[in-house]
């Protein structure tokens, strides 16, 4: 749903001289979607707070944070 909104938000921002900037909170797996990141930049998102609990794989598994296990944390 959010991805569908971003192109329209970016176009609105462009038409109105980019009056707003946005921030969001996300998991590190946000780095996996280049198209989403590009649309977010175009829409005016300039910061993302990433929820990084721990780099310890066993702890991430115990906390069921599978999205943080898909890729190397530092690479993401």
Protein backbone atom coordinates (compact mmCIF):
# COMPACT_ATOMS: atom_id res chain seq x y z
CA UNK A 1 0.00 0.00 0.00
CA UNK A 2 2.75 2.43 0.97
CA UNK A 3 4.60 1.83 -2.31
CA UNK A 4 1.48 2.79 -4.26
CA UNK A 5 1.27 6.14 -2.44
CA UNK A 6 4.88 7.22 -2.96
CA UNK A 7 4.78 8.16 -6.68
CA UNK A 8 1.74 10.37 -6.06
CA UNK A 9 3.34 11.90 -2.99
CA UNK A 10 6.54 12.59 -4.94
CA UNK A 11 4.55 14.26 -7.75
CA UNK A 12 2.62 16.39 -5.24
CA UNK A 13 5.86 17.41 -3.54
CA UNK A 14 7.34 18.41 -6.90
CA UNK A 15 4.28 20.48 -7.86
CA UNK A 16 4.31 22.32 -4.54
CA UNK A 17 8.03 23.04 -4.22
CA UNK A 18 8.78 20.18 -1.81
CA UNK A 19 7.33 21.82 1.32
CA UNK A 20 7.68 18.71 3.50
CA UNK A 21 10.41 16.30 4.52
CA UNK A 22 9.62 12.98 6.14
CA UNK A 23 11.25 10.46 8.44
CA UNK A 24 10.24 6.87 9.13
CA UNK A 25 11.05 3.88 11.27
CA UNK A 26 11.88 0.63 9.50
CA UNK A 27 13.68 -2.68 9.73
CA UNK A 28 17.08 -3.04 8.12
CA UNK A 29 15.44 -5.04 5.31
CA UNK A 30 14.38 -1.66 3.89
CA UNK A 31 17.81 -1.72 2.23
CA UNK A 32 16.68 -4.68 0.09
CA UNK A 33 14.23 -2.63 -2.01
CA UNK A 34 16.07 -0.11 -4.21
CA UNK A 35 12.87 1.00 -5.94
CA UNK A 36 11.19 1.73 -2.62
CA UNK A 37 14.22 3.71 -1.42
CA UNK A 38 14.26 5.73 -4.63
CA UNK A 39 10.55 6.54 -4.38
CA UNK A 40 11.00 7.49 -0.73
CA UNK A 41 13.80 9.92 -1.65
CA UNK A 42 11.68 11.44 -4.41
CA UNK A 43 8.75 11.83 -2.00
CA UNK A 44 10.91 13.69 0.54
CA UNK A 45 11.99 11.04 3.04
CA UNK A 46 15.44 12.03 4.20
CA UNK A 47 15.86 9.88 7.32
CA UNK A 48 15.01 6.37 8.43
CA UNK A 49 15.38 5.11 11.98
CA UNK A 50 16.43 1.48 11.68
CA UNK A 51 15.43 -1.00 14.35
CA UNK A 52 18.65 -2.94 14.88
CA UNK A 53 18.30 -5.02 18.00
CA UNK A 54 21.61 -6.84 17.93
CA UNK A 55 24.19 -8.19 15.46
CA UNK A 56 24.19 -11.54 17.33
CA UNK A 57 22.56 -14.11 15.07
CA UNK A 58 21.43 -16.40 17.88
CA UNK A 59 19.69 -13.50 19.63
CA UNK A 60 17.94 -12.46 16.43
CA UNK A 61 16.68 -16.02 15.94
CA UNK A 62 15.45 -16.16 19.53
CA UNK A 63 13.63 -12.83 19.09
CA UNK A 64 12.17 -14.06 15.77
CA UNK A 65 13.71 -11.16 13.84
CA UNK A 66 14.14 -13.12 10.63
CA UNK A 67 14.12 -9.96 8.51
CA UNK A 68 17.44 -9.03 10.14
CA UNK A 69 18.99 -12.40 9.29
CA UNK A 70 18.59 -12.30 5.50
CA UNK A 71 21.72 -10.28 4.80
CA UNK A 72 24.87 -9.22 6.55
CA UNK A 73 23.95 -6.33 8.85
CA UNK A 74 26.96 -4.20 7.91
CA UNK A 75 26.40 -4.73 4.17
CA UNK A 76 22.78 -3.68 4.50
